[in-house]
Amino acid sequence: MSSDKQKNSNEFRTELDLLSRLNHAHLLSLLGYCEEGGERLLVYEFMAHGSLYNHLHGKNKALKEQLDWVKRVTIAVQAARGIEYLHGYACPPVIHRDIKSSNILIDEEHNARVADFGLSLLGPVDSGSPLAELPAGTLGYLDPEYYRLHYLTTKSDVYSFESCFSRS
């Protein structure tokens, strides 16, 4: 198996394993999956309003106008609650590693869900202990300390989360 195929397979397995164990109102729900003949498919709940990125940075003016400041704050709080669940209530804790506005999805009623767990790692039970990991995620959202020193903690997700909203 080529390294790219192995990487994709590992990300698929990681996401499948995590999502089958996580259940929170502000995490995207996995409905099912299929793996056949080298093809892999994850089936999620439908998110009618797409990603936060499209609302904040997309070319569609109507989407931008849908999110007044009250809705933006509500979405931020809901996404933060999903991340809080990953860090504080999932056992063991989960570090997402790719929090960004395109991974915060919005449903029909403008409720937020954190999505895309392909790069996620199970964190240490002691949230203060860093994992020594090569950086993964999206440049511009990566915690500089994690990028430079390769020390990953839940604080890295918090930095990425803040980056989502400081750019809006």
N, C-alpha and C. Protein backbone atom coordinates (compact mmCIF):
# COMPACT_ATOMS: atom_id res chain seq x y z
N MET A 1 0.85 -1.18 0.00
CA MET A 1 0.00 0.00 0.00
C MET A 1 0.90 1.24 0.00
N SER A 2 0.60 2.20 -0.85
CA SER A 2 1.40 3.42 -0.92
C SER A 2 1.21 4.23 0.36
N SER A 3 2.16 5.13 0.64
CA SER A 3 2.08 5.91 1.88
C SER A 3 0.85 6.81 1.90
N ASP A 4 0.45 7.36 0.74
CA ASP A 4 -0.76 8.19 0.69
C ASP A 4 -2.01 7.37 0.99
N LYS A 5 -2.08 6.17 0.41
CA LYS A 5 -3.23 5.32 0.67
C LYS A 5 -3.26 4.89 2.13
N GLN A 6 -2.09 4.59 2.69
CA GLN A 6 -2.01 4.20 4.10
C GLN A 6 -2.43 5.36 4.99
N LYS A 7 -1.98 6.57 4.66
CA LYS A 7 -2.35 7.76 5.43
C LYS A 7 -3.86 7.97 5.38
N ASN A 8 -4.46 7.86 4.19
CA ASN A 8 -5.91 8.02 4.05
C ASN A 8 -6.65 6.94 4.82
N SER A 9 -6.14 5.72 4.78
CA SER A 9 -6.76 4.62 5.52
C SER A 9 -6.68 4.87 7.02
N ASN A 10 -5.53 5.36 7.49
CA ASN A 10 -5.38 5.66 8.92
C ASN A 10 -6.32 6.78 9.35
N GLU A 11 -6.43 7.83 8.54
CA GLU A 11 -7.34 8.94 8.86
C GLU A 11 -8.79 8.45 8.90
N PHE A 12 -9.15 7.59 7.95
CA PHE A 12 -10.50 7.04 7.92
C PHE A 12 -10.78 6.24 9.19
N ARG A 13 -9.86 5.37 9.56
CA ARG A 13 -10.02 4.54 10.76
C ARG A 13 -10.09 5.40 12.02
N THR A 14 -9.23 6.42 12.09
CA THR A 14 -9.24 7.33 13.24
C THR A 14 -10.59 8.01 13.36
N GLU A 15 -11.07 8.56 12.26
CA GLU A 15 -12.34 9.27 12.28
C GLU A 15 -13.48 8.33 12.63
N LEU A 16 -13.49 7.15 12.06
CA LEU A 16 -14.54 6.17 12.33
C LEU A 16 -14.53 5.77 13.80
N ASP A 17 -13.36 5.47 14.33
CA ASP A 17 -13.24 5.05 15.73
C ASP A 17 -13.71 6.16 16.67
N LEU A 18 -13.24 7.37 16.43
CA LEU A 18 -13.62 8.49 17.31
C LEU A 18 -15.10 8.78 17.24
N LEU A 19 -15.62 8.91 16.04
CA LEU A 19 -17.02 9.31 15.89
C LEU A 19 -17.99 8.26 16.41
N SER A 20 -17.59 7.01 16.39
CA SER A 20 -18.48 5.98 16.92
C SER A 20 -18.56 6.03 18.44
N ARG A 21 -17.61 6.72 19.08
CA ARG A 21 -17.59 6.82 20.54
C ARG A 21 -18.05 8.17 21.07
N LEU A 22 -18.11 9.18 20.21
CA LEU A 22 -18.43 10.53 20.67
C LEU A 22 -19.90 10.86 20.40
N ASN A 23 -20.52 11.51 21.37
CA ASN A 23 -21.91 11.91 21.19
C ASN A 23 -22.13 13.24 21.92
N HIS A 24 -22.29 14.29 21.16
CA HIS A 24 -22.51 15.62 21.73
C HIS A 24 -23.30 16.45 20.73
N ALA A 25 -24.13 17.33 21.24
CA ALA A 25 -24.99 18.16 20.38
C ALA A 25 -24.20 19.03 19.41
N HIS A 26 -22.94 19.34 19.74
CA HIS A 26 -22.17 20.25 18.89
C HIS A 26 -20.97 19.57 18.23
N LEU A 27 -21.09 18.26 18.05
CA LEU A 27 -20.14 17.49 17.23
C LEU A 27 -20.95 16.85 16.11
N LEU A 28 -20.42 16.86 14.90
CA LEU A 28 -21.13 16.28 13.76
C LEU A 28 -21.34 14.79 13.99
N SER A 29 -22.57 14.32 13.83
CA SER A 29 -22.91 12.92 14.09
C SER A 29 -22.65 12.05 12.87
N LEU A 30 -22.00 10.92 13.13
CA LEU A 30 -21.79 9.90 12.11
C LEU A 30 -23.03 9.03 12.05
N LEU A 31 -23.61 8.90 10.87
CA LEU A 31 -24.81 8.07 10.70
C LEU A 31 -24.47 6.65 10.26
N GLY A 32 -23.38 6.50 9.51
CA GLY A 32 -22.99 5.19 9.04
C GLY A 32 -21.73 5.27 8.21
N TYR A 33 -21.25 4.11 7.77
CA TYR A 33 -20.06 4.07 6.93
C TYR A 33 -20.11 2.85 6.02
N CYS A 34 -19.29 2.89 4.99
CA CYS A 34 -19.17 1.76 4.07
C CYS A 34 -17.71 1.67 3.63
N GLU A 35 -17.20 0.47 3.60
CA GLU A 35 -15.84 0.23 3.10
C GLU A 35 -15.90 -1.00 2.21
N GLU A 36 -15.62 -0.77 0.93
CA GLU A 36 -15.74 -1.87 -0.02
C GLU A 36 -14.77 -1.67 -1.17
N GLY A 37 -13.98 -2.68 -1.47
CA GLY A 37 -13.07 -2.63 -2.61
C GLY A 37 -12.12 -1.45 -2.60
N GLY A 38 -11.63 -1.08 -1.46
CA GLY A 38 -10.70 0.04 -1.37
C GLY A 38 -11.38 1.40 -1.30
N GLU A 39 -12.67 1.44 -1.50
CA GLU A 39 -13.43 2.69 -1.40
C GLU A 39 -13.97 2.82 0.02
N ARG A 40 -13.89 4.03 0.57
CA ARG A 40 -14.38 4.28 1.92
C ARG A 40 -15.34 5.46 1.92
N LEU A 41 -16.38 5.34 2.71
CA LEU A 41 -17.40 6.38 2.74
C LEU A 41 -17.91 6.54 4.17
N LEU A 42 -17.95 7.78 4.65
CA LEU A 42 -18.57 8.10 5.93
C LEU A 42 -19.84 8.88 5.63
N VAL A 43 -20.91 8.56 6.34
CA VAL A 43 -22.19 9.24 6.13
C VAL A 43 -22.52 10.03 7.40
N TYR A 44 -22.68 11.35 7.22
CA TYR A 44 -22.94 12.25 8.33
C TYR A 44 -24.33 12.85 8.21
N GLU A 45 -24.78 13.46 9.31
CA GLU A 45 -26.02 14.22 9.25
C GLU A 45 -25.84 15.39 8.29
N PHE A 46 -26.92 15.79 7.66
CA PHE A 46 -26.88 16.87 6.67
C PHE A 46 -26.81 18.22 7.39
N MET A 47 -25.92 19.07 6.93
CA MET A 47 -25.75 20.40 7.51
C MET A 47 -26.16 21.42 6.44
N ALA A 48 -27.40 21.87 6.53
CA ALA A 48 -28.04 22.66 5.48
C ALA A 48 -27.34 23.97 5.15
N HIS A 49 -26.67 24.58 6.12
CA HIS A 49 -26.06 25.88 5.89
C HIS A 49 -24.54 25.82 5.68
N GLY A 50 -24.02 24.63 5.43
CA GLY A 50 -22.61 24.51 5.08
C GLY A 50 -21.66 24.88 6.20
N SER A 51 -20.52 25.44 5.82
CA SER A 51 -19.47 25.72 6.81
C SER A 51 -19.48 27.18 7.24
N LEU A 52 -18.93 27.42 8.41
CA LEU A 52 -18.76 28.78 8.90
C LEU A 52 -17.87 29.57 7.94
N TYR A 53 -16.88 28.90 7.36
CA TYR A 53 -15.98 29.56 6.41
C TYR A 53 -16.77 30.20 5.27
N ASN A 54 -17.70 29.46 4.70
CA ASN A 54 -18.50 29.99 3.59
C ASN A 54 -19.31 31.21 3.99
N HIS A 55 -19.78 31.22 5.22
CA HIS A 55 -20.55 32.38 5.71
C HIS A 55 -19.66 33.60 5.93
N LEU A 56 -18.45 33.37 6.43
CA LEU A 56 -17.57 34.49 6.77
C LEU A 56 -16.74 34.98 5.60
N HIS A 57 -16.32 34.06 4.72
CA HIS A 57 -15.36 34.42 3.68
C HIS A 57 -15.81 34.11 2.27
N GLY A 58 -16.98 33.48 2.13
CA GLY A 58 -17.44 33.09 0.80
C GLY A 58 -17.87 34.28 -0.04
N LYS A 59 -18.08 34.03 -1.31
CA LYS A 59 -18.44 35.08 -2.26
C LYS A 59 -19.94 35.39 -2.25
N ASN A 60 -20.73 34.50 -1.64
CA ASN A 60 -22.18 34.67 -1.62
C ASN A 60 -22.57 35.68 -0.54
N LYS A 61 -22.98 36.86 -0.95
CA LYS A 61 -23.33 37.94 -0.02
C LYS A 61 -24.51 37.55 0.88
N ALA A 62 -25.46 36.79 0.33
CA ALA A 62 -26.63 36.38 1.12
C ALA A 62 -26.22 35.52 2.31
N LEU A 63 -25.22 34.64 2.12
CA LEU A 63 -24.74 33.82 3.23
C LEU A 63 -24.14 34.69 4.33
N LYS A 64 -23.35 35.67 3.93
CA LYS A 64 -22.72 36.57 4.91
C LYS A 64 -23.77 37.31 5.72
N GLU A 65 -24.84 37.73 5.06
CA GLU A 65 -25.89 38.50 5.73
C GLU A 65 -26.72 37.65 6.68
N GLN A 66 -26.71 36.32 6.52
CA GLN A 66 -27.46 35.44 7.41
C GLN A 66 -26.89 35.44 8.82
N LEU A 67 -25.62 35.75 8.96
CA LEU A 67 -24.96 35.66 10.26
C LEU A 67 -24.77 37.04 10.89
N ASP A 68 -25.77 37.48 11.61
CA ASP A 68 -25.59 38.71 12.37
C ASP A 68 -24.69 38.39 13.58
N TRP A 69 -24.38 39.39 14.38
CA TRP A 69 -23.43 39.17 15.48
C TRP A 69 -23.98 38.23 16.54
N VAL A 70 -25.28 38.25 16.77
CA VAL A 70 -25.87 37.33 17.75
C VAL A 70 -25.67 35.89 17.29
N LYS A 71 -25.93 35.61 16.01
CA LYS A 71 -25.74 34.25 15.49
C LYS A 71 -24.27 33.86 15.52
N ARG A 72 -23.38 34.79 15.21
CA ARG A 72 -21.94 34.49 15.24
C ARG A 72 -21.50 34.10 16.65
N VAL A 73 -21.95 34.85 17.64
CA VAL A 73 -21.58 34.54 19.02
C VAL A 73 -22.17 33.19 19.43
N THR A 74 -23.42 32.94 19.05
CA THR A 74 -24.05 31.66 19.36
C THR A 74 -23.28 30.50 18.74
N ILE A 75 -22.89 30.64 17.49
CA ILE A 75 -22.11 29.61 16.80
C ILE A 75 -20.77 29.41 17.50
N ALA A 76 -20.12 30.49 17.89
CA ALA A 76 -18.83 30.39 18.60
C ALA A 76 -18.99 29.64 19.91
N VAL A 77 -20.02 29.97 20.67
CA VAL A 77 -20.26 29.30 21.96
C VAL A 77 -20.56 27.82 21.74
N GLN A 78 -21.37 27.50 20.74
CA GLN A 78 -21.71 26.11 20.48
C GLN A 78 -20.48 25.30 20.05
N ALA A 79 -19.68 25.87 19.16
CA ALA A 79 -18.45 25.18 18.74
C ALA A 79 -17.52 25.00 19.94
N ALA A 80 -17.42 26.01 20.78
CA ALA A 80 -16.58 25.91 21.98
C ALA A 80 -17.08 24.80 22.90
N ARG A 81 -18.38 24.64 23.00
CA ARG A 81 -18.93 23.55 23.83
C ARG A 81 -18.58 22.18 23.25
N GLY A 82 -18.60 22.07 21.94
CA GLY A 82 -18.18 20.82 21.31
C GLY A 82 -16.72 20.51 21.60
N ILE A 83 -15.87 21.53 21.50
CA ILE A 83 -14.44 21.35 21.78
C ILE A 83 -14.23 21.06 23.26
N GLU A 84 -14.98 21.74 24.13
CA GLU A 84 -14.89 21.47 25.57
C GLU A 84 -15.21 20.00 25.85
N TYR A 85 -16.23 19.47 25.18
CA TYR A 85 -16.57 18.06 25.36
C TYR A 85 -15.39 17.16 24.97
N LEU A 86 -14.78 17.46 23.82
CA LEU A 86 -13.63 16.65 23.37
C LEU A 86 -12.51 16.65 24.40
N HIS A 87 -12.22 17.82 24.95
CA HIS A 87 -11.08 17.97 25.86
C HIS A 87 -11.40 17.54 27.30
N GLY A 88 -12.61 17.78 27.75
CA GLY A 88 -12.90 17.60 29.16
C GLY A 88 -13.80 16.44 29.52
N TYR A 89 -14.59 15.95 28.57
CA TYR A 89 -15.57 14.92 28.91
C TYR A 89 -15.40 13.63 28.13
N ALA A 90 -14.76 13.68 26.98
CA ALA A 90 -14.47 12.44 26.24
C ALA A 90 -13.41 11.68 27.03
N CYS A 91 -13.50 10.37 27.03
CA CYS A 91 -12.54 9.57 27.80
C CYS A 91 -11.93 8.51 26.89
N PRO A 92 -10.65 8.62 26.58
CA PRO A 92 -9.72 9.68 26.95
C PRO A 92 -10.02 10.96 26.15
N PRO A 93 -9.43 12.08 26.58
CA PRO A 93 -9.64 13.33 25.86
C PRO A 93 -9.21 13.22 24.40
N VAL A 94 -9.82 14.05 23.56
CA VAL A 94 -9.52 14.05 22.13
C VAL A 94 -8.97 15.43 21.76
N ILE A 95 -7.85 15.44 21.04
CA ILE A 95 -7.31 16.68 20.49
C ILE A 95 -7.62 16.66 19.00
N HIS A 96 -8.39 17.63 18.54
CA HIS A 96 -8.90 17.66 17.17
C HIS A 96 -7.78 17.88 16.14
N ARG A 97 -6.92 18.82 16.36
CA ARG A 97 -5.76 19.19 15.53
C ARG A 97 -6.09 19.89 14.21
N ASP A 98 -7.35 20.13 13.91
CA ASP A 98 -7.66 20.84 12.67
C ASP A 98 -8.91 21.71 12.83
N ILE A 99 -8.97 22.42 13.95
CA ILE A 99 -10.08 23.35 14.17
C ILE A 99 -9.88 24.54 13.23
N LYS A 100 -10.85 24.77 12.37
CA LYS A 100 -10.83 25.91 11.45
C LYS A 100 -12.26 26.17 11.02
N SER A 101 -12.50 27.32 10.43
CA SER A 101 -13.88 27.71 10.11
C SER A 101 -14.54 26.76 9.10
N SER A 102 -13.77 26.11 8.26
CA SER A 102 -14.38 25.17 7.31
C SER A 102 -14.74 23.84 7.97
N ASN A 103 -14.28 23.63 9.21
CA ASN A 103 -14.64 22.42 9.97
C ASN A 103 -15.66 22.71 11.06
N ILE A 104 -16.26 23.88 11.01
CA ILE A 104 -17.41 24.19 11.86
C ILE A 104 -18.60 24.31 10.92
N LEU A 105 -19.51 23.34 11.02
CA LEU A 105 -20.64 23.28 10.11
C LEU A 105 -21.91 23.79 10.79
N ILE A 106 -22.85 24.26 9.97
CA ILE A 106 -24.04 24.93 10.49
C ILE A 106 -25.29 24.23 9.95
N ASP A 107 -26.18 23.85 10.86
CA ASP A 107 -27.39 23.14 10.44
C ASP A 107 -28.50 24.12 10.03
N GLU A 108 -29.66 23.57 9.76
CA GLU A 108 -30.79 24.35 9.26
C GLU A 108 -31.24 25.45 10.23
N GLU A 109 -31.04 25.21 11.53
CA GLU A 109 -31.46 26.18 12.54
C GLU A 109 -30.29 27.05 13.04
N HIS A 110 -29.21 27.05 12.28
CA HIS A 110 -27.98 27.81 12.60
C HIS A 110 -27.30 27.34 13.88
N ASN A 111 -27.37 26.03 14.15
CA ASN A 111 -26.61 25.44 15.24
C ASN A 111 -25.29 24.92 14.69
N ALA A 112 -24.23 25.07 15.48
CA ALA A 112 -22.89 24.69 15.03
C ALA A 112 -22.55 23.26 15.43
N ARG A 113 -21.77 22.61 14.57
CA ARG A 113 -21.21 21.29 14.85
C ARG A 113 -19.74 21.29 14.43
N VAL A 114 -18.88 20.79 15.29
CA VAL A 114 -17.47 20.61 14.93
C VAL A 114 -17.38 19.33 14.11
N ALA A 115 -16.62 19.38 13.01
CA ALA A 115 -16.54 18.26 12.08
C ALA A 115 -15.08 17.94 11.74
N ASP A 116 -14.88 16.88 10.98
CA ASP A 116 -13.60 16.44 10.41
C ASP A 116 -12.61 16.02 11.49
N PHE A 117 -12.72 14.77 11.90
CA PHE A 117 -11.87 14.23 12.96
C PHE A 117 -10.74 13.37 12.42
N GLY A 118 -10.42 13.50 11.14
CA GLY A 118 -9.40 12.66 10.52
C GLY A 118 -8.00 12.83 11.08
N LEU A 119 -7.67 14.00 11.60
CA LEU A 119 -6.33 14.24 12.16
C LEU A 119 -6.32 14.14 13.68
N SER A 120 -7.46 13.85 14.28
CA SER A 120 -7.58 13.85 15.74
C SER A 120 -6.72 12.77 16.38
N LEU A 121 -6.31 13.08 17.60
CA LEU A 121 -5.54 12.13 18.41
C LEU A 121 -6.17 12.01 19.78
N LEU A 122 -6.04 10.83 20.37
CA LEU A 122 -6.45 10.69 21.75
C LEU A 122 -5.38 11.34 22.60
N GLY A 123 -5.80 12.24 23.46
CA GLY A 123 -4.86 13.00 24.27
C GLY A 123 -4.53 12.28 25.56
N PRO A 124 -3.57 12.81 26.29
CA PRO A 124 -3.25 12.24 27.60
C PRO A 124 -4.38 12.55 28.57
N VAL A 125 -4.57 11.65 29.54
CA VAL A 125 -5.61 11.86 30.55
C VAL A 125 -5.31 13.13 31.34
N ASP A 126 -4.03 13.40 31.58
CA ASP A 126 -3.61 14.64 32.23
C ASP A 126 -3.49 15.70 31.14
N SER A 127 -4.44 16.63 31.11
CA SER A 127 -4.49 17.60 30.01
C SER A 127 -3.29 18.52 29.97
N GLY A 128 -2.50 18.58 31.03
CA GLY A 128 -1.31 19.43 31.04
C GLY A 128 -0.11 18.79 30.39
N SER A 129 -0.16 17.48 30.17
CA SER A 129 0.98 16.77 29.58
C SER A 129 0.90 16.85 28.06
N PRO A 130 1.96 17.35 27.41
CA PRO A 130 1.92 17.43 25.95
C PRO A 130 2.22 16.09 25.29
N LEU A 131 1.70 15.91 24.09
CA LEU A 131 2.09 14.79 23.24
C LEU A 131 3.18 15.29 22.32
N ALA A 132 4.19 14.49 22.07
CA ALA A 132 5.24 14.85 21.11
C ALA A 132 4.78 14.36 19.75
N GLU A 133 4.31 15.26 18.92
CA GLU A 133 3.74 14.91 17.62
C GLU A 133 4.23 15.86 16.54
N LEU A 134 4.48 15.33 15.36
CA LEU A 134 4.77 16.20 14.23
C LEU A 134 3.52 17.02 13.93
N PRO A 135 3.68 18.29 13.58
CA PRO A 135 2.52 19.14 13.33
C PRO A 135 1.64 18.62 12.20
N ALA A 136 0.35 18.70 12.44
CA ALA A 136 -0.65 18.39 11.42
C ALA A 136 -1.78 19.38 11.61
N GLY A 137 -2.42 19.74 10.53
CA GLY A 137 -3.50 20.71 10.59
C GLY A 137 -3.34 21.69 9.45
N THR A 138 -3.93 22.85 9.61
CA THR A 138 -3.95 23.86 8.55
C THR A 138 -3.13 25.06 8.96
N LEU A 139 -2.14 25.40 8.13
CA LEU A 139 -1.33 26.58 8.42
C LEU A 139 -2.23 27.80 8.55
N GLY A 140 -1.88 28.67 9.44
CA GLY A 140 -2.70 29.83 9.70
C GLY A 140 -3.62 29.61 10.89
N TYR A 141 -3.91 28.35 11.18
CA TYR A 141 -4.71 27.99 12.35
C TYR A 141 -3.87 27.24 13.38
N LEU A 142 -2.69 26.78 12.98
CA LEU A 142 -1.84 25.99 13.87
C LEU A 142 -1.27 26.82 15.00
N ASP A 143 -1.29 26.25 16.18
CA ASP A 143 -0.65 26.84 17.34
C ASP A 143 0.86 26.94 17.06
N PRO A 144 1.45 28.14 17.14
CA PRO A 144 2.88 28.29 16.83
C PRO A 144 3.79 27.42 17.70
N GLU A 145 3.41 27.23 18.96
CA GLU A 145 4.22 26.40 19.85
C GLU A 145 4.20 24.94 19.39
N TYR A 146 3.05 24.46 19.00
CA TYR A 146 2.92 23.10 18.47
C TYR A 146 3.72 22.97 17.17
N TYR A 147 3.61 23.95 16.30
CA TYR A 147 4.32 23.92 15.02
C TYR A 147 5.83 23.93 15.22
N ARG A 148 6.31 24.75 16.14
CA ARG A 148 7.74 24.93 16.35
C ARG A 148 8.35 23.82 17.21
N LEU A 149 7.68 23.46 18.31
CA LEU A 149 8.27 22.53 19.28
C LEU A 149 7.72 21.11 19.19
N HIS A 150 6.66 20.92 18.42
CA HIS A 150 6.02 19.61 18.26
C HIS A 150 5.40 19.10 19.56
N TYR A 151 5.00 20.01 20.44
CA TYR A 151 4.30 19.65 21.67
C TYR A 151 2.82 19.97 21.49
N LEU A 152 2.03 18.94 21.52
CA LEU A 152 0.59 19.09 21.29
C LEU A 152 -0.16 18.94 22.60
N THR A 153 -1.02 19.91 22.90
CA THR A 153 -1.92 19.83 24.05
C THR A 153 -3.30 20.31 23.59
N THR A 154 -4.26 20.22 24.48
CA THR A 154 -5.59 20.73 24.17
C THR A 154 -5.54 22.23 23.90
N LYS A 155 -4.55 22.90 24.44
CA LYS A 155 -4.41 24.35 24.21
C LYS A 155 -4.17 24.66 22.73
N SER A 156 -3.61 23.70 22.01
CA SER A 156 -3.40 23.90 20.57
C SER A 156 -4.74 24.06 19.85
N ASP A 157 -5.74 23.27 20.24
CA ASP A 157 -7.08 23.42 19.67
C ASP A 157 -7.69 24.76 20.05
N VAL A 158 -7.45 25.20 21.27
CA VAL A 158 -8.00 26.49 21.72
C VAL A 158 -7.41 27.62 20.89
N TYR A 159 -6.11 27.55 20.60
CA TYR A 159 -5.48 28.56 19.75
C TYR A 159 -6.14 28.56 18.36
N SER A 160 -6.32 27.37 17.79
CA SER A 160 -6.93 27.26 16.46
C SER A 160 -8.36 27.80 16.46
N PHE A 161 -9.10 27.50 17.52
CA PHE A 161 -10.47 27.99 17.65
C PHE A 161 -10.50 29.51 17.65
N GLU A 162 -9.63 30.11 18.43
CA GLU A 162 -9.56 31.58 18.49
C GLU A 162 -9.25 32.15 17.12
N SER A 163 -8.38 31.48 16.38
CA SER A 163 -8.01 31.94 15.04
C SER A 163 -9.22 31.98 14.09
N CYS A 164 -10.16 31.07 14.29
CA CYS A 164 -11.37 31.04 13.45
C CYS A 164 -12.14 32.35 13.56
N PHE A 165 -12.21 32.87 14.76
CA PHE A 165 -13.08 34.02 15.00
C PHE A 165 -12.35 35.35 14.96
N SER A 166 -11.04 35.32 15.09
CA SER A 166 -10.30 36.58 15.00
C SER A 166 -10.16 37.02 13.54
N ARG A 167 -10.44 36.12 12.60
CA ARG A 167 -10.34 36.43 11.17
C ARG A 167 -11.67 36.85 10.57
N SER A 168 -12.73 36.81 11.35
CA SER A 168 -14.05 37.10 10.78
C SER A 168 -14.34 38.58 10.71
